[in-house]
């Protein structure tokens, strides 16, 4: 099995060291696998999309404006 090296901030490492019974390599493998599965689903969905990149960016802007307005009204 190939090996990768992962850098974490010192404070995170200190927290990890408090739970030595946890297999942190397995936690990282699981998180990486889950992210890859999510990316594959996203790629599958977007590969079938008829939107251009420009259309997607315009849609994202509209969604962001709508969400900003919604939360501004709430707060």
N, C-alpha and C. Protein backbone atom coordinates (compact mmCIF):
# COMPACT_ATOMS: atom_id res chain seq x y z
N UNK A 1 0.85 -1.17 0.00
CA UNK A 1 0.00 0.00 0.00
C UNK A 1 0.90 1.24 0.00
N UNK A 2 0.64 2.20 -0.88
CA UNK A 2 1.42 3.43 -0.90
C UNK A 2 1.26 4.22 0.40
N UNK A 3 2.23 5.03 0.71
CA UNK A 3 2.21 5.86 1.91
C UNK A 3 2.18 7.32 1.51
N UNK A 4 1.37 8.12 2.24
CA UNK A 4 1.39 9.57 2.05
C UNK A 4 1.74 10.21 3.39
N UNK A 5 2.27 11.41 3.34
CA UNK A 5 2.58 12.16 4.54
C UNK A 5 1.59 13.31 4.63
N UNK A 6 1.05 13.50 5.82
CA UNK A 6 0.03 14.52 6.04
C UNK A 6 0.54 15.50 7.09
N UNK A 7 0.49 16.78 6.79
CA UNK A 7 0.88 17.81 7.75
C UNK A 7 -0.37 18.37 8.42
N UNK A 8 -0.30 18.53 9.73
CA UNK A 8 -1.40 19.13 10.49
C UNK A 8 -0.82 20.21 11.40
N UNK A 9 -1.62 21.20 11.74
CA UNK A 9 -1.14 22.23 12.67
C UNK A 9 -0.79 21.62 14.03
N UNK A 10 0.12 22.25 14.72
CA UNK A 10 0.59 21.74 16.01
C UNK A 10 -0.54 21.55 17.01
N UNK A 11 -1.49 22.50 17.07
CA UNK A 11 -2.59 22.37 18.03
C UNK A 11 -3.48 21.16 17.71
N UNK A 12 -3.66 20.88 16.43
CA UNK A 12 -4.44 19.71 16.05
C UNK A 12 -3.71 18.42 16.44
N UNK A 13 -2.40 18.39 16.23
CA UNK A 13 -1.60 17.23 16.61
C UNK A 13 -1.68 16.98 18.12
N UNK A 14 -1.65 18.03 18.90
CA UNK A 14 -1.77 17.89 20.36
C UNK A 14 -3.11 17.27 20.73
N UNK A 15 -4.17 17.70 20.07
CA UNK A 15 -5.50 17.13 20.32
C UNK A 15 -5.54 15.66 19.90
N UNK A 16 -4.94 15.34 18.78
CA UNK A 16 -4.89 13.95 18.31
C UNK A 16 -4.13 13.08 19.32
N UNK A 17 -3.06 13.61 19.87
CA UNK A 17 -2.25 12.85 20.83
C UNK A 17 -3.02 12.52 22.11
N UNK A 18 -4.06 13.26 22.41
CA UNK A 18 -4.88 12.98 23.59
C UNK A 18 -5.72 11.72 23.40
N UNK A 19 -5.88 11.29 22.15
CA UNK A 19 -6.68 10.11 21.84
C UNK A 19 -5.84 9.12 21.06
N UNK A 20 -4.84 8.60 21.70
CA UNK A 20 -3.91 7.69 21.04
C UNK A 20 -4.56 6.37 20.63
N UNK A 21 -5.70 6.05 21.23
CA UNK A 21 -6.38 4.80 20.87
C UNK A 21 -7.04 4.88 19.49
N UNK A 22 -7.17 6.09 18.96
CA UNK A 22 -7.77 6.29 17.65
C UNK A 22 -6.72 6.00 16.57
N UNK A 23 -7.10 5.25 15.56
CA UNK A 23 -6.23 4.98 14.42
C UNK A 23 -6.41 6.14 13.44
N UNK A 24 -5.57 7.17 13.60
CA UNK A 24 -5.72 8.39 12.80
C UNK A 24 -5.49 8.14 11.32
N UNK A 25 -4.68 7.14 10.98
CA UNK A 25 -4.49 6.80 9.57
C UNK A 25 -5.80 6.30 8.97
N UNK A 26 -6.52 5.50 9.73
CA UNK A 26 -7.81 4.99 9.25
C UNK A 26 -8.83 6.13 9.12
N UNK A 27 -8.81 7.05 10.07
CA UNK A 27 -9.70 8.21 10.00
C UNK A 27 -9.41 9.01 8.72
N UNK A 28 -8.14 9.23 8.43
CA UNK A 28 -7.76 9.96 7.22
C UNK A 28 -8.16 9.20 5.97
N UNK A 29 -7.90 7.87 5.94
CA UNK A 29 -8.29 7.06 4.77
C UNK A 29 -9.79 7.14 4.52
N UNK A 30 -10.57 7.05 5.61
CA UNK A 30 -12.03 7.10 5.48
C UNK A 30 -12.48 8.46 4.95
N UNK A 31 -11.89 9.53 5.47
CA UNK A 31 -12.26 10.88 5.02
C UNK A 31 -11.90 11.09 3.55
N UNK A 32 -10.73 10.61 3.16
CA UNK A 32 -10.29 10.76 1.76
C UNK A 32 -11.21 9.96 0.84
N UNK A 33 -11.53 8.74 1.25
CA UNK A 33 -12.42 7.89 0.44
C UNK A 33 -13.78 8.55 0.28
N UNK A 34 -14.33 9.09 1.37
CA UNK A 34 -15.64 9.75 1.31
C UNK A 34 -15.59 10.95 0.36
N UNK A 35 -14.53 11.75 0.44
CA UNK A 35 -14.41 12.93 -0.43
C UNK A 35 -14.32 12.52 -1.90
N UNK A 36 -13.58 11.44 -2.18
CA UNK A 36 -13.47 10.96 -3.56
C UNK A 36 -14.83 10.48 -4.07
N UNK A 37 -15.59 9.79 -3.22
CA UNK A 37 -16.93 9.35 -3.61
C UNK A 37 -17.82 10.56 -3.92
N UNK A 38 -17.74 11.60 -3.08
CA UNK A 38 -18.53 12.82 -3.32
C UNK A 38 -18.13 13.47 -4.64
N UNK A 39 -16.83 13.54 -4.89
CA UNK A 39 -16.35 14.13 -6.14
C UNK A 39 -16.81 13.33 -7.35
N UNK A 40 -16.81 12.01 -7.25
CA UNK A 40 -17.27 11.18 -8.36
C UNK A 40 -18.75 11.39 -8.63
N UNK A 41 -19.53 11.54 -7.57
CA UNK A 41 -20.97 11.83 -7.75
C UNK A 41 -21.13 13.18 -8.43
N UNK A 42 -20.38 14.18 -7.95
CA UNK A 42 -20.46 15.52 -8.55
C UNK A 42 -20.06 15.49 -10.02
N UNK A 43 -18.99 14.77 -10.34
CA UNK A 43 -18.56 14.65 -11.74
C UNK A 43 -19.63 13.99 -12.59
N UNK A 44 -20.27 12.97 -12.04
CA UNK A 44 -21.33 12.27 -12.77
C UNK A 44 -22.49 13.21 -13.07
N UNK A 45 -22.87 13.99 -12.07
CA UNK A 45 -23.98 14.93 -12.25
C UNK A 45 -23.61 16.01 -13.26
N UNK A 46 -22.41 16.59 -13.10
CA UNK A 46 -22.03 17.70 -13.97
C UNK A 46 -21.74 17.25 -15.40
N UNK A 47 -21.35 16.00 -15.57
CA UNK A 47 -21.07 15.54 -16.93
C UNK A 47 -22.34 15.47 -17.77
N UNK A 48 -23.48 15.38 -17.11
CA UNK A 48 -24.76 15.30 -17.81
C UNK A 48 -25.42 16.67 -17.95
N UNK A 49 -24.82 17.69 -17.36
CA UNK A 49 -25.40 19.02 -17.35
C UNK A 49 -25.23 19.71 -18.71
N UNK A 50 -26.22 20.50 -19.07
CA UNK A 50 -26.16 21.28 -20.30
C UNK A 50 -25.66 22.70 -20.03
N UNK A 51 -25.43 23.04 -18.74
CA UNK A 51 -24.97 24.37 -18.38
C UNK A 51 -23.52 24.58 -18.81
N UNK A 52 -23.26 25.77 -19.30
CA UNK A 52 -21.87 26.14 -19.56
C UNK A 52 -21.28 26.65 -18.25
N UNK A 53 -19.97 26.82 -18.23
CA UNK A 53 -19.34 27.35 -17.01
C UNK A 53 -19.87 28.74 -16.71
N UNK A 54 -20.08 29.54 -17.75
CA UNK A 54 -20.63 30.89 -17.58
C UNK A 54 -22.02 30.82 -16.96
N UNK A 55 -22.87 29.90 -17.45
CA UNK A 55 -24.22 29.74 -16.90
C UNK A 55 -24.15 29.34 -15.43
N UNK A 56 -23.25 28.43 -15.09
CA UNK A 56 -23.12 27.96 -13.71
C UNK A 56 -22.67 29.08 -12.79
N UNK A 57 -21.73 29.91 -13.26
CA UNK A 57 -21.27 31.03 -12.45
C UNK A 57 -22.39 32.05 -12.23
N UNK A 58 -23.17 32.31 -13.26
CA UNK A 58 -24.29 33.24 -13.15
C UNK A 58 -25.33 32.70 -12.16
N UNK A 59 -25.62 31.44 -12.24
CA UNK A 59 -26.56 30.80 -11.32
C UNK A 59 -26.03 30.89 -9.89
N UNK A 60 -24.75 30.64 -9.71
CA UNK A 60 -24.14 30.71 -8.37
C UNK A 60 -24.26 32.12 -7.80
N UNK A 61 -24.05 33.14 -8.63
CA UNK A 61 -24.18 34.52 -8.18
C UNK A 61 -25.60 34.81 -7.71
N UNK A 62 -26.58 34.33 -8.47
CA UNK A 62 -27.99 34.54 -8.10
C UNK A 62 -28.31 33.84 -6.78
N UNK A 63 -27.81 32.65 -6.61
CA UNK A 63 -28.05 31.91 -5.36
C UNK A 63 -27.40 32.64 -4.19
N UNK A 64 -26.17 33.08 -4.37
CA UNK A 64 -25.47 33.80 -3.30
C UNK A 64 -26.22 35.07 -2.91
N UNK A 65 -26.70 35.83 -3.90
CA UNK A 65 -27.46 37.04 -3.61
C UNK A 65 -28.72 36.72 -2.84
N UNK A 66 -29.41 35.66 -3.26
CA UNK A 66 -30.64 35.26 -2.60
C UNK A 66 -30.39 34.85 -1.15
N UNK A 67 -29.35 34.06 -0.94
CA UNK A 67 -29.02 33.62 0.41
C UNK A 67 -28.59 34.80 1.28
N UNK A 68 -27.82 35.72 0.70
CA UNK A 68 -27.39 36.90 1.45
C UNK A 68 -28.60 37.71 1.89
N UNK A 69 -29.52 37.89 0.98
CA UNK A 69 -30.74 38.66 1.31
C UNK A 69 -31.53 37.96 2.41
N UNK A 70 -31.69 36.65 2.30
CA UNK A 70 -32.45 35.88 3.27
C UNK A 70 -31.85 36.02 4.67
N UNK A 71 -30.52 35.83 4.77
CA UNK A 71 -29.88 35.89 6.08
C UNK A 71 -29.76 37.32 6.60
N UNK A 72 -29.67 38.31 5.72
CA UNK A 72 -29.64 39.69 6.16
C UNK A 72 -30.96 40.08 6.79
N UNK A 73 -32.05 39.56 6.22
CA UNK A 73 -33.38 39.85 6.76
C UNK A 73 -33.59 39.17 8.10
N UNK A 74 -32.96 38.03 8.30
CA UNK A 74 -33.11 37.28 9.55
C UNK A 74 -32.32 37.91 10.70
N UNK A 75 -31.19 38.51 10.34
CA UNK A 75 -30.26 38.92 11.37
C UNK A 75 -30.29 40.33 11.72
